[in-house]
C-alpha atoms as a PDB file:
ATOM      1  CA  MET A   1      17.548 -52.072 105.879  1.00  0.00           C
ATOM      2  CA  SER A   2      20.945 -51.061 106.137  1.00  0.00           C
ATOM      3  CA  GLY A   3      22.054 -47.945 104.578  1.00  0.00           C
ATOM      4  CA  LYS A   4      24.350 -49.223 102.589  1.00  0.00           C
ATOM      5  CA  LYS A   5      21.660 -50.824 100.985  1.00  0.00           C
ATOM      6  CA  GLN A   6      19.631 -48.177 100.116  1.00  0.00           C
ATOM      7  CA  VAL A   7      22.271 -46.511  98.810  1.00  0.00           C
ATOM      8  CA  ALA A   8      22.913 -49.109  96.594  1.00  0.00           C
ATOM      9  CA  ARG A   9      18.738 -49.463  96.062  1.00  0.00           C
ATOM     10  CA  ARG A  10      18.494 -45.897  95.071  1.00  0.00           C
ATOM     11  CA  LYS A  11      21.201 -46.169  92.384  1.00  0.00           C
ATOM     12  CA  LYS A  12      19.974 -48.854  90.948  1.00  0.00           C
ATOM     13  CA  GLN A  13      16.836 -47.137  90.538  1.00  0.00           C
ATOM     14  CA  ASN A  14      18.180 -44.103  89.110  1.00  0.00           C
ATOM     15  CA  ARG A  15      20.083 -46.002  86.483  1.00  0.00           C
ATOM     16  CA  ILE A  16      16.402 -47.718  85.368  1.00  0.00           C
ATOM     17  CA  LEU A  17      14.987 -44.139  85.605  1.00  0.00           C
ATOM     18  CA  LYS A  18      17.994 -42.252  83.210  1.00  0.00           C
ATOM     19  CA  THR A  19      17.406 -45.320  80.996  1.00  0.00           C
ATOM     20  CA  VAL A  20      14.046 -44.816  80.774  1.00  0.00           C
ATOM     21  CA  ILE A  21      14.301 -41.175  79.939  1.00  0.00           C
ATOM     22  CA  ILE A  22      16.883 -42.138  77.148  1.00  0.00           C
ATOM     23  CA  ILE A  23      14.693 -44.530  75.600  1.00  0.00           C
ATOM     24  CA  LEU A  24      11.661 -42.033  75.630  1.00  0.00           C
ATOM     25  CA  LEU A  25      13.866 -38.975  74.139  1.00  0.00           C
ATOM     26  CA  ILE A  26      15.130 -41.411  71.193  1.00  0.00           C
ATOM     27  CA  ILE A  27      11.422 -42.192  70.489  1.00  0.00           C
ATOM     28  CA  LEU A  28      10.620 -38.732  71.283  1.00  0.00           C
ATOM     29  CA  MET A  29      13.386 -37.798  68.667  1.00  0.00           C
ATOM     30  CA  MET A  30      12.281 -40.922  65.955  1.00  0.00           C
ATOM     31  CA  ILE A  31       9.027 -39.505  65.680  1.00  0.00           C
ATOM     32  CA  ILE A  32       9.943 -36.037  65.146  1.00  0.00           C
ATOM     33  CA  ALA A  33      12.224 -37.000  62.564  1.00  0.00           C
ATOM     34  CA  VAL A  34       9.674 -38.901  60.766  1.00  0.00           C
ATOM     35  CA  SER A  35       6.913 -36.499  61.096  1.00  0.00           C
ATOM     36  CA  GLY A  36       9.794 -33.865  59.560  1.00  0.00           C
ATOM     37  CA  ALA A  37      10.601 -36.383  56.942  1.00  0.00           C
ATOM     38  CA  PHE A  38       6.838 -36.673  56.285  1.00  0.00           C
ATOM     39  CA  PHE A  39       5.674 -33.306  56.327  1.00  0.00           C
ATOM     40  CA  TYR A  40       8.447 -32.592  53.540  1.00  0.00           C
ATOM     41  CA  LEU A  41       7.435 -35.168  51.274  1.00  0.00           C
ATOM     42  CA  PHE A  42       3.655 -34.828  51.701  1.00  0.00           C
ATOM     43  CA  GLY A  43       3.143 -31.044  52.945  1.00  0.00           C
ATOM     44  CA  ASN A  44       2.171 -30.129  49.813  1.00  0.00           C
ATOM     45  CA  LEU A  45       0.475 -32.835  48.449  1.00  0.00           C
ATOM     46  CA  ASN A  46      -3.254 -31.882  46.883  1.00  0.00           C
ATOM     47  CA  THR A  47      -5.201 -34.701  47.230  1.00  0.00           C
ATOM     48  CA  VAL A  48      -8.519 -33.955  47.489  1.00  0.00           C
ATOM     49  CA  SER A  49     -11.898 -35.632  49.213  1.00  0.00           C
ATOM     50  CA  PHE A  50     -13.085 -38.158  46.240  1.00  0.00           C
ATOM     51  CA  THR A  51     -16.375 -40.811  46.636  1.00  0.00           C
ATOM     52  CA  ASN A  52     -15.745 -44.122  47.361  1.00  0.00           C
ATOM     53  CA  ASP A  53     -19.136 -44.818  46.142  1.00  0.00           C
ATOM     54  CA  ASP A  54     -18.507 -47.592  43.749  1.00  0.00           C
ATOM     55  CA  LYS A  55     -22.302 -46.938  41.947  1.00  0.00           C
ATOM     56  CA  GLU A  56     -21.206 -43.339  41.804  1.00  0.00           C
ATOM     57  CA  LEU A  57     -18.447 -44.804  39.619  1.00  0.00           C
ATOM     58  CA  GLY A  58     -19.740 -46.543  37.891  1.00  0.00           C
ATOM     59  CA  VAL A  59     -17.710 -49.816  39.392  1.00  0.00           C
ATOM     60  CA  LYS A  60     -18.797 -53.692  39.598  1.00  0.00           C
ATOM     61  CA  GLU A  61     -17.023 -55.199  42.364  1.00  0.00           C
ATOM     62  CA  GLU A  62     -16.786 -58.857  40.030  1.00  0.00           C
ATOM     63  CA  VAL A  63     -14.060 -56.791  37.502  1.00  0.00           C
ATOM     64  CA  SER A  64     -11.869 -56.399  40.416  1.00  0.00           C
ATOM     65  CA  VAL A  65      -8.485 -58.448  40.309  1.00  0.00           C
ATOM     66  CA  GLY A  66      -5.566 -58.764  43.038  1.00  0.00           C
ATOM     67  CA  GLY A  67      -2.641 -57.208  42.863  1.00  0.00           C
ATOM     68  CA  ILE A  68      -3.717 -54.495  40.322  1.00  0.00           C
ATOM     69  CA  THR A  69      -4.439 -51.272  40.797  1.00  0.00           C
ATOM     70  CA  ASN A  70      -6.116 -49.246  38.016  1.00  0.00           C
ATOM     71  CA  ILE A  71      -5.649 -44.862  38.284  1.00  0.00           C
ATOM     72  CA  ALA A  72      -7.193 -42.958  35.682  1.00  0.00           C
ATOM     73  CA  LEU A  73      -4.785 -40.155  34.337  1.00  0.00           C
ATOM     74  CA  PHE A  74      -6.478 -36.579  32.930  1.00  0.00           C
ATOM     75  CA  GLY A  75      -4.601 -34.282  31.185  1.00  0.00           C
ATOM     76  CA  VAL A  76      -6.432 -31.263  30.988  1.00  0.00           C
ATOM     77  CA  ASP A  77      -5.816 -28.706  28.227  1.00  0.00           C
ATOM     78  CA  THR A  78      -5.750 -25.116  30.104  1.00  0.00           C
ATOM     79  CA  ARG A  79      -3.299 -22.561  30.511  1.00  0.00           C
ATOM     80  CA  ASP A  80      -3.972 -21.901  33.965  1.00  0.00           C
ATOM     81  CA  THR A  81      -1.532 -23.453  36.128  1.00  0.00           C
ATOM     82  CA  SER A  82      -3.871 -23.386  38.898  1.00  0.00           C
ATOM     83  CA  GLN A  83      -7.078 -25.028  37.408  1.00  0.00           C
ATOM     84  CA  ASP A  84      -7.305 -28.801  36.766  1.00  0.00           C
ATOM     85  CA  SER A  85     -10.526 -27.923  34.892  1.00  0.00           C
ATOM     86  CA  GLY A  86     -12.029 -28.682  31.631  1.00  0.00           C
ATOM     87  CA  ARG A  87     -11.665 -31.324  28.749  1.00  0.00           C
ATOM     88  CA  SER A  88      -9.270 -34.071  29.756  1.00  0.00           C
ATOM     89  CA  ASP A  89      -7.326 -33.818  26.362  1.00  0.00           C
ATOM     90  CA  THR A  90      -5.321 -36.752  27.483  1.00  0.00           C
ATOM     91  CA  ILE A  91      -7.439 -39.826  28.814  1.00  0.00           C
ATOM     92  CA  ILE A  92      -5.032 -42.964  30.526  1.00  0.00           C
ATOM     93  CA  ILE A  93      -5.659 -45.332  32.212  1.00  0.00           C
ATOM     94  CA  LEU A  94      -2.744 -45.937  34.462  1.00  0.00           C
ATOM     95  CA  THR A  95      -2.302 -50.371  35.432  1.00  0.00           C
ATOM     96  CA  LEU A  96      -0.043 -50.695  38.500  1.00  0.00           C
ATOM     97  CA  ASN A  97       0.743 -54.585  38.323  1.00  0.00           C
ATOM     98  CA  GLN A  98       2.653 -55.146  42.036  1.00  0.00           C
ATOM     99  CA  ASP A  99       2.505 -58.839  41.849  1.00  0.00           C
ATOM    100  CA  LYS A 100       4.468 -58.895  38.484  1.00  0.00           C
ATOM    101  CA  ASN A 101       6.481 -55.553  38.533  1.00  0.00           C
ATOM    102  CA  ILE A 102       4.486 -54.113  34.842  1.00  0.00           C
ATOM    103  CA  ILE A 103       3.046 -50.304  34.999  1.00  0.00           C
ATOM    104  CA  LYS A 104       0.866 -50.098  32.053  1.00  0.00           C
ATOM    105  CA  MET A 105      -0.760 -47.407  29.793  1.00  0.00           C
ATOM    106  CA  THR A 106      -3.687 -47.452  27.927  1.00  0.00           C
ATOM    107  CA  SER A 107      -4.897 -44.323  26.226  1.00  0.00           C
ATOM    108  CA  ILE A 108      -8.576 -43.818  25.158  1.00  0.00           C
ATOM    109  CA  LEU A 109      -8.618 -41.827  22.578  1.00  0.00           C
ATOM    110  CA  ARG A 110     -10.378 -38.418  23.058  1.00  0.00           C
ATOM    111  CA  ASP A 111     -12.568 -38.226  20.235  1.00  0.00           C
ATOM    112  CA  SER A 112     -14.358 -41.594  21.189  1.00  0.00           C
ATOM    113  CA  LYS A 113     -17.930 -41.337  21.078  1.00  0.00           C
ATOM    114  CA  VAL A 114     -18.990 -43.156  24.148  1.00  0.00           C
ATOM    115  CA  PRO A 115     -22.284 -42.664  26.570  1.00  0.00           C
ATOM    116  CA  ILE A 116     -21.936 -40.372  28.942  1.00  0.00           C
ATOM    117  CA  ASP A 117     -24.386 -40.376  31.746  1.00  0.00           C
ATOM    118  CA  GLY A 118     -26.918 -37.700  31.364  1.00  0.00           C
ATOM    119  CA  HIS A 119     -25.468 -36.094  28.120  1.00  0.00           C
ATOM    120  CA  GLY A 120     -26.017 -38.975  25.887  1.00  0.00           C
ATOM    121  CA  GLU A 121     -23.303 -40.043  23.396  1.00  0.00           C
ATOM    122  CA  THR A 122     -20.250 -37.390  23.235  1.00  0.00           C
ATOM    123  CA  LYS A 123     -16.670 -37.405  22.869  1.00  0.00           C
ATOM    124  CA  ILE A 124     -15.322 -38.922  25.783  1.00  0.00           C
ATOM    125  CA  ASN A 125     -12.865 -35.855  26.755  1.00  0.00           C
ATOM    126  CA  ALA A 126     -16.290 -33.999  27.877  1.00  0.00           C
ATOM    127  CA  ALA A 127     -17.065 -35.994  30.181  1.00  0.00           C
ATOM    128  CA  TYR A 128     -14.605 -34.313  32.820  1.00  0.00           C
ATOM    129  CA  ALA A 129     -15.971 -30.850  31.489  1.00  0.00           C
ATOM    130  CA  TYR A 130     -19.579 -32.076  32.798  1.00  0.00           C
ATOM    131  CA  GLY A 131     -18.820 -33.568  35.665  1.00  0.00           C
ATOM    132  CA  GLY A 132     -15.077 -33.613  37.214  1.00  0.00           C
ATOM    133  CA  PRO A 133     -13.535 -36.792  37.741  1.00  0.00           C
ATOM    134  CA  THR A 134     -15.878 -38.654  39.371  1.00  0.00           C
ATOM    135  CA  LEU A 135     -18.355 -38.396  36.126  1.00  0.00           C
ATOM    136  CA  ALA A 136     -14.804 -38.943  33.741  1.00  0.00           C
ATOM    137  CA  ILE A 137     -14.074 -42.010  36.151  1.00  0.00           C
ATOM    138  CA  LYS A 138     -17.746 -43.488  35.740  1.00  0.00           C
ATOM    139  CA  THR A 139     -17.586 -43.151  31.975  1.00  0.00           C
ATOM    140  CA  LEU A 140     -14.513 -45.180  31.694  1.00  0.00           C
ATOM    141  CA  ASN A 141     -15.534 -47.986  34.080  1.00  0.00           C
ATOM    142  CA  GLU A 142     -19.270 -48.091  32.442  1.00  0.00           C
ATOM    143  CA  THR A 143     -17.977 -48.158  29.161  1.00  0.00           C
ATOM    144  CA  PHE A 144     -15.145 -50.597  28.925  1.00  0.00           C
ATOM    145  CA  ASP A 145     -16.460 -52.719  32.529  1.00  0.00           C
ATOM    146  CA  LEU A 146     -13.803 -51.183  34.333  1.00  0.00           C
ATOM    147  CA  ASP A 147     -12.940 -50.804  38.506  1.00  0.00           C
ATOM    148  CA  ILE A 148     -10.920 -47.336  38.505  1.00  0.00           C
ATOM    149  CA  LYS A 149     -11.551 -45.850  41.855  1.00  0.00           C
ATOM    150  CA  GLU A 150      -8.503 -43.556  41.999  1.00  0.00           C
ATOM    151  CA  TYR A 151      -7.205 -40.565  39.671  1.00  0.00           C
ATOM    152  CA  ILE A 152      -4.351 -37.835  38.904  1.00  0.00           C
ATOM    153  CA  THR A 153      -5.335 -34.859  37.078  1.00  0.00           C
ATOM    154  CA  VAL A 154      -2.658 -32.658  35.910  1.00  0.00           C
ATOM    155  CA  ASN A 155      -2.683 -29.720  33.165  1.00  0.00           C
ATOM    156  CA  PHE A 156       0.023 -29.615  30.460  1.00  0.00           C
ATOM    157  CA  ASN A 157       2.050 -27.067  32.393  1.00  0.00           C
ATOM    158  CA  GLN A 158       2.303 -28.721  35.586  1.00  0.00           C
ATOM    159  CA  LEU A 159       3.292 -31.543  33.602  1.00  0.00           C
ATOM    160  CA  ALA A 160       6.237 -29.891  32.138  1.00  0.00           C
ATOM    161  CA  THR A 161       7.261 -29.211  35.564  1.00  0.00           C
ATOM    162  CA  ILE A 162       7.119 -33.089  36.522  1.00  0.00           C
ATOM    163  CA  ILE A 163       9.212 -33.669  33.402  1.00  0.00           C
ATOM    164  CA  ASN A 164      11.952 -31.203  34.504  1.00  0.00           C
ATOM    165  CA  ALA A 165      11.836 -32.463  37.904  1.00  0.00           C
ATOM    166  CA  VAL A 166      12.950 -35.827  36.357  1.00  0.00           C
ATOM    167  CA  GLY A 167      15.960 -33.623  34.011  1.00  0.00           C
ATOM    168  CA  GLY A 168      13.979 -33.955  31.371  1.00  0.00           C
ATOM    169  CA  VAL A 169      13.451 -36.928  28.702  1.00  0.00           C
ATOM    170  CA  THR A 170      15.471 -37.999  25.990  1.00  0.00           C
ATOM    171  CA  LEU A 171      13.286 -39.107  22.841  1.00  0.00           C
ATOM    172  CA  THR A 172      14.143 -39.198  18.747  1.00  0.00           C
ATOM    173  CA  LEU A 173      12.604 -36.720  16.613  1.00  0.00           C
ATOM    174  CA  SER A 174      11.857 -36.207  12.762  1.00  0.00           C
ATOM    175  CA  GLN A 175      12.241 -32.854  11.807  1.00  0.00           C
ATOM    176  CA  ALA A 176       8.327 -32.401  10.594  1.00  0.00           C
ATOM    177  CA  GLU A 177       7.994 -32.863  14.965  1.00  0.00           C
ATOM    178  CA  VAL A 178      10.878 -30.435  15.926  1.00  0.00           C
ATOM    179  CA  ASP A 179       9.333 -27.546  13.557  1.00  0.00           C
ATOM    180  CA  MET A 180       5.777 -28.140  15.141  1.00  0.00           C
ATOM    181  CA  ALA A 181       6.961 -29.077  18.787  1.00  0.00           C
ATOM    182  CA  ASN A 182       8.702 -25.615  18.424  1.00  0.00           C
ATOM    183  CA  ALA A 183       5.880 -23.326  17.013  1.00  0.00           C
ATOM    184  CA  LEU A 184       3.794 -24.929  20.141  1.00  0.00           C
ATOM    185  CA  ALA A 185       6.482 -24.714  22.228  1.00  0.00           C
ATOM    186  CA  VAL A 186       6.610 -20.917  21.340  1.00  0.00           C
ATOM    187  CA  GLN A 187       2.349 -20.614  21.442  1.00  0.00           C
ATOM    188  CA  TYR A 188       2.486 -22.586  25.038  1.00  0.00           C
ATOM    189  CA  PHE A 189       5.246 -21.670  26.810  1.00  0.00           C
ATOM    190  CA  PRO A 190       6.660 -18.446  25.933  1.00  0.00           C
ATOM    191  CA  GLY A 191      10.501 -17.351  26.022  1.00  0.00           C
ATOM    192  CA  THR A 192      11.215 -21.617  26.216  1.00  0.00           C
ATOM    193  CA  THR A 193      14.365 -22.689  24.678  1.00  0.00           C
ATOM    194  CA  THR A 194      13.307 -24.340  21.258  1.00  0.00           C
ATOM    195  CA  ILE A 195      14.557 -27.650  20.102  1.00  0.00           C
ATOM    196  CA  ASP A 196      17.952 -27.138  17.660  1.00  0.00           C
ATOM    197  CA  ALA A 197      17.678 -30.241  15.407  1.00  0.00           C
ATOM    198  CA  ALA A 198      16.159 -33.339  14.986  1.00  0.00           C
ATOM    199  CA  GLY A 199      17.289 -36.940  16.445  1.00  0.00           C
ATOM    200  CA  GLU A 200      17.805 -37.773  19.943  1.00  0.00           C
ATOM    201  CA  VAL A 201      17.054 -35.089  21.657  1.00  0.00           C
ATOM    202  CA  ASN A 202      17.162 -34.240  25.111  1.00  0.00           C
ATOM    203  CA  LEU A 203      13.622 -32.339  25.920  1.00  0.00           C
ATOM    204  CA  THR A 204      13.061 -30.083  28.339  1.00  0.00           C
ATOM    205  CA  GLY A 205       9.022 -30.293  30.286  1.00  0.00           C
ATOM    206  CA  GLU A 206       8.041 -27.308  28.416  1.00  0.00           C
ATOM    207  CA  GLN A 207       9.858 -28.976  25.182  1.00  0.00           C
ATOM    208  CA  ALA A 208       8.364 -32.465  25.566  1.00  0.00           C
ATOM    209  CA  VAL A 209       4.987 -31.227  26.468  1.00  0.00           C
ATOM    210  CA  SER A 210       4.804 -29.315  23.331  1.00  0.00           C
ATOM    211  CA  TYR A 211       5.839 -32.558  21.867  1.00  0.00           C
ATOM    212  CA  SER A 212       2.984 -34.455  22.940  1.00  0.00           C
ATOM    213  CA  ARG A 213       0.583 -32.183  22.059  1.00  0.00           C
ATOM    214  CA  ILE A 214       1.477 -32.579  18.245  1.00  0.00           C
ATOM    215  CA  ARG A 215      -1.717 -33.651  16.464  1.00  0.00           C
ATOM    216  CA  LYS A 216      -2.108 -31.742  13.356  1.00  0.00           C
ATOM    217  CA  LEU A 217       1.260 -33.091  11.923  1.00  0.00           C
ATOM    218  CA  ASP A 218      -0.845 -36.502  11.680  1.00  0.00           C
ATOM    219  CA  SER A 219      -3.319 -38.214  14.137  1.00  0.00           C
ATOM    220  CA  ASP A 220      -5.079 -38.614  17.439  1.00  0.00           C
ATOM    221  CA  ASN A 221      -3.378 -41.593  17.676  1.00  0.00           C
ATOM    222  CA  ALA A 222      -0.309 -40.825  17.240  1.00  0.00           C
ATOM    223  CA  ARG A 223      -0.339 -37.818  19.628  1.00  0.00           C
ATOM    224  CA  ALA A 224      -1.395 -40.209  22.190  1.00  0.00           C
ATOM    225  CA  THR A 225       1.725 -42.134  20.985  1.00  0.00           C
ATOM    226  CA  ARG A 226       3.993 -39.375  21.568  1.00  0.00           C
ATOM    227  CA  GLN A 227       1.872 -38.806  24.888  1.00  0.00           C
ATOM    228  CA  GLN A 228       3.517 -42.256  25.774  1.00  0.00           C
ATOM    229  CA  LYS A 229       6.865 -41.840  24.684  1.00  0.00           C
ATOM    230  CA  VAL A 230       7.070 -38.595  27.302  1.00  0.00           C
ATOM    231  CA  LEU A 231       5.441 -40.678  29.821  1.00  0.00           C
ATOM    232  CA  SER A 232       7.373 -43.517  29.333  1.00  0.00           C
ATOM    233  CA  ALA A 233      10.405 -41.678  29.049  1.00  0.00           C
ATOM    234  CA  ALA A 234       9.565 -40.219  32.479  1.00  0.00           C
ATOM    235  CA  PHE A 235       9.184 -43.549  34.341  1.00  0.00           C
ATOM    236  CA  GLY A 236      12.634 -44.702  33.039  1.00  0.00           C
ATOM    237  CA  LYS A 237      14.177 -41.612  34.353  1.00  0.00           C
ATOM    238  CA  ILE A 238      12.115 -41.964  37.691  1.00  0.00           C
ATOM    239  CA  ARG A 239      13.615 -45.610  38.176  1.00  0.00           C
ATOM    240  CA  SER A 240      17.059 -44.658  37.131  1.00  0.00           C
ATOM    241  CA  MET A 241      17.134 -42.064  39.864  1.00  0.00           C
ATOM    242  CA  SER A 242      19.584 -41.961  42.698  1.00  0.00           C
ATOM    243  CA  LYS A 243      17.376 -43.134  45.907  1.00  0.00           C
ATOM    244  CA  THR A 244      18.482 -39.738  47.283  1.00  0.00           C
ATOM    245  CA  ASP A 245      17.135 -38.139  44.909  1.00  0.00           C
ATOM    246  CA  TYR A 246      13.285 -39.498  45.228  1.00  0.00           C
ATOM    247  CA  PRO A 247      12.397 -37.155  48.441  1.00  0.00           C
ATOM    248  CA  SER A 248      13.166 -34.222  46.462  1.00  0.00           C
ATOM    249  CA  PHE A 249      10.927 -35.617  42.621  1.00  0.00           C
ATOM    250  CA  ILE A 250       7.880 -36.846  45.523  1.00  0.00           C
ATOM    251  CA  ARG A 251       7.598 -33.942  46.830  1.00  0.00           C
ATOM    252  CA  GLN A 252       7.762 -31.629  43.465  1.00  0.00           C
ATOM    253  CA  PHE A 253       5.138 -34.248  41.702  1.00  0.00           C
ATOM    254  CA  LEU A 254       2.747 -34.339  44.388  1.00  0.00           C
ATOM    255  CA  GLY A 255       2.869 -30.446  44.904  1.00  0.00           C
ATOM    256  CA  THR A 256       1.749 -30.161  40.848  1.00  0.00           C
ATOM    257  CA  ALA A 257      -1.241 -32.895  40.573  1.00  0.00           C
ATOM    258  CA  GLU A 258      -4.395 -32.738  42.039  1.00  0.00           C
ATOM    259  CA  THR A 259      -5.144 -36.627  43.483  1.00  0.00           C
ATOM    260  CA  SER A 260      -7.624 -38.643  44.901  1.00  0.00           C
ATOM    261  CA  LEU A 261      -4.820 -40.981  46.645  1.00  0.00           C
ATOM    262  CA  SER A 262      -4.343 -40.424  50.198  1.00  0.00           C
ATOM    263  CA  TYR A 263      -1.194 -40.558  51.820  1.00  0.00           C
ATOM    264  CA  SER A 264      -1.046 -43.985  52.766  1.00  0.00           C
ATOM    265  CA  GLU A 265      -1.837 -45.015  49.071  1.00  0.00           C
ATOM    266  CA  ILE A 266       0.834 -43.983  47.571  1.00  0.00           C
ATOM    267  CA  LEU A 267       3.248 -45.166  50.117  1.00  0.00           C
ATOM    268  CA  GLY A 268       1.321 -48.463  48.975  1.00  0.00           C
ATOM    269  CA  LEU A 269       1.986 -48.846  45.546  1.00  0.00           C
ATOM    270  CA  SER A 270       5.292 -46.636  45.927  1.00  0.00           C
ATOM    271  CA  PRO A 271       7.487 -49.862  45.982  1.00  0.00           C
ATOM    272  CA  ILE A 272       7.008 -50.702  42.222  1.00  0.00           C
ATOM    273  CA  ALA A 273       9.252 -47.630  41.477  1.00  0.00           C
ATOM    274  CA  LEU A 274      12.219 -49.549  43.531  1.00  0.00           C
ATOM    275  CA  THR A 275      11.795 -52.345  41.288  1.00  0.00           C
ATOM    276  CA  ASP A 276      13.046 -53.429  37.839  1.00  0.00           C
ATOM    277  CA  PHE A 277       9.635 -53.296  35.675  1.00  0.00           C
ATOM    278  CA  SER A 278       8.267 -52.926  32.815  1.00  0.00           C
ATOM    279  CA  ILE A 279       6.040 -50.555  30.768  1.00  0.00           C
ATOM    280  CA  GLU A 280       4.005 -51.601  28.339  1.00  0.00           C
ATOM    281  CA  GLN A 281       1.316 -49.133  25.887  1.00  0.00           C
ATOM    282  CA  TYR A 282      -2.045 -49.961  24.441  1.00  0.00           C
ATOM    283  CA  THR A 283      -4.244 -47.139  22.402  1.00  0.00           C
ATOM    284  CA  VAL A 284      -7.950 -47.337  22.169  1.00  0.00           C
ATOM    285  CA  PRO A 285      -9.069 -47.307  19.142  1.00  0.00           C
ATOM    286  CA  ASP A 286      -6.474 -48.653  17.516  1.00  0.00           C
ATOM    287  CA  ALA A 287      -7.248 -49.564  13.524  1.00  0.00           C
ATOM    288  CA  ALA A 288      -4.823 -52.244  13.736  1.00  0.00           C
ATOM    289  CA  TYR A 289      -7.487 -53.987  15.983  1.00  0.00           C
ATOM    290  CA  GLU A 290     -10.441 -52.314  16.054  1.00  0.00           C
ATOM    291  CA  THR A 291     -10.923 -52.971  12.730  1.00  0.00           C
ATOM    292  CA  ASP A 292     -14.240 -50.973  12.282  1.00  0.00           C
ATOM    293  CA  LEU A 293     -13.147 -47.660  12.955  1.00  0.00           C
ATOM    294  CA  TRP A 294     -14.611 -44.428  11.545  1.00  0.00           C
ATOM    295  CA  GLY A 295     -13.301 -41.064  12.012  1.00  0.00           C
ATOM    296  CA  GLY A 296     -15.182 -38.430  10.672  1.00  0.00           C
ATOM    297  CA  ILE A 297     -18.133 -36.104  10.800  1.00  0.00           C
ATOM    298  CA  ASP A 298     -20.734 -37.984  12.632  1.00  0.00           C
ATOM    299  CA  SER A 299     -24.912 -36.835  11.711  1.00  0.00           C
ATOM    300  CA  ASP A 300     -24.673 -34.138  14.904  1.00  0.00           C
ATOM    301  CA  GLY A 301     -22.132 -32.511  13.212  1.00  0.00           C
ATOM    302  CA  VAL A 302     -19.245 -33.079  15.415  1.00  0.00           C
ATOM    303  CA  TRP A 303     -16.153 -35.064  14.689  1.00  0.00           C
ATOM    304  CA  TYR A 304     -15.684 -38.849  16.172  1.00  0.00           C
ATOM    305  CA  TYR A 305     -14.127 -42.000  16.457  1.00  0.00           C
ATOM    306  CA  ILE A 306     -16.467 -44.638  16.414  1.00  0.00           C
ATOM    307  CA  TYR A 307     -15.882 -47.987  17.140  1.00  0.00           C
ATOM    308  CA  ASP A 308     -17.366 -51.353  18.642  1.00  0.00           C
ATOM    309  CA  LEU A 309     -17.404 -50.315  22.204  1.00  0.00           C
ATOM    310  CA  ASP A 310     -17.933 -53.649  23.156  1.00  0.00           C
ATOM    311  CA  GLU A 311     -14.723 -55.525  21.263  1.00  0.00           C
ATOM    312  CA  ALA A 312     -12.715 -52.852  22.565  1.00  0.00           C
ATOM    313  CA  LYS A 313     -13.746 -53.527  26.450  1.00  0.00           C
ATOM    314  CA  LYS A 314     -12.726 -56.989  25.891  1.00  0.00           C
ATOM    315  CA  ARG A 315      -9.332 -55.672  24.480  1.00  0.00           C
ATOM    316  CA  ILE A 316      -8.525 -53.985  27.242  1.00  0.00           C
ATOM    317  CA  HIS A 317      -9.594 -56.497  29.614  1.00  0.00           C
ATOM    318  CA  THR A 318      -7.194 -58.858  27.914  1.00  0.00           C
ATOM    319  CA  ALA A 319      -4.537 -55.979  28.388  1.00  0.00           C
ATOM    320  CA  ILE A 320      -4.986 -55.078  32.021  1.00  0.00           C
ATOM    321  CA  TYR A 321      -6.527 -57.979  33.717  1.00  0.00           C
ATOM    322  CA  GLY A 322      -5.421 -60.961  31.008  1.00  0.00           C
ATOM    323  CA  ASP A 323      -2.126 -62.637  30.267  1.00  0.00           C
ATOM    324  CA  ASP A 324       0.358 -60.086  29.728  1.00  0.00           C
ATOM    325  CA  ALA A 325       1.303 -61.582  25.996  1.00  0.00           C
ATOM    326  CA  PHE A 326      -1.246 -59.318  25.034  1.00  0.00           C
ATOM    327  CA  THR A 327      -1.277 -59.113  20.943  1.00  0.00           C
ATOM    328  CA  GLY A 328      -2.298 -55.189  20.872  1.00  0.00           C
ATOM    329  CA  ALA A 329       0.871 -54.152  22.405  1.00  0.00           C
ATOM    330  CA  THR A 330       2.567 -51.744  20.971  1.00  0.00           C
ATOM    331  CA  ASP A 331       6.210 -52.189  20.150  1.00  0.00           C
ATOM    332  CA  GLU A 332       7.032 -49.085  22.462  1.00  0.00           C
ATOM    333  CA  SER A 333       6.715 -51.240  25.003  1.00  0.00           C
ATOM    334  CA  THR A 334       9.880 -51.414  27.510  1.00  0.00           C
ATOM    335  CA  SER A 335      11.821 -52.022  30.350  1.00  0.00           C
ATOM    336  CA  GLY A 336      12.080 -49.387  33.215  1.00  0.00           C
ATOM    337  CA  THR A 337      15.311 -47.575  32.498  1.00  0.00           C
ATOM    338  CA  GLU A 338      16.056 -45.055  30.290  1.00  0.00           C
END
């Protein structure tokens, strides 16, 4: 082979080698960038090891419906921001219907008298205290024949942080609600700014949580409605958020909640936040639908809501798995914008 051909061949080989090296460097840089972004978003995710045993969670496989994911959302009443234990004073079945771009929130009132495995009939919020999220989810699934396998738990202090991360929420409050929310804010968030006046108000996280805790003003049912309003407003703020703000919010949210959801599951559910989703809200029990509803002190000396659980189960199934035109939807159903 002549010298000129050898030189030309070496030059060609060098070009190929340089091209390969450049491609490898680009791929390496992409891996580093993706890894960095992943660590930024999920580095402080408080995800916990959780059972996937359907029997342990009280799940009957036949109730599952494609495109619908049910997640138990527990709000734990504790002043220790590092603890997610105690009774779950807020119990919401969060339903994500990705096929129809609908988010549904079904509140189960904490004083509902239900059977809890190993503990007889008692308040449903006691299940979390007795056996953590596993028993709490099992109680929901067995009582209402659901397919919940995942959960998110926040305490009320953490919820305030999440709401602050979206810039607060705008709600309309009566003067009585303002007075009660301010009293609770002083009690649970010393030093926080109080609400100035009734009407449409932009609430900070601390103010919104105090508002959602109001109970003595009216009823537990009204309390659940206030909680739904706060969450709906928060969802609306998330929906209207600039896409460039999502990474910062995700990082803050994941750092304040305990969840069984894995990284991949969170990513798989996240696309609904980018759609023009709608929100539907339900409460069980509701005197308008649980016509046999009774609330009072039972024979064991404890105050309960007692109602036909089988009929409530049918209503919940219609809300979650059935037609969207469910007659039990509240007037608070709204689009995903604020």
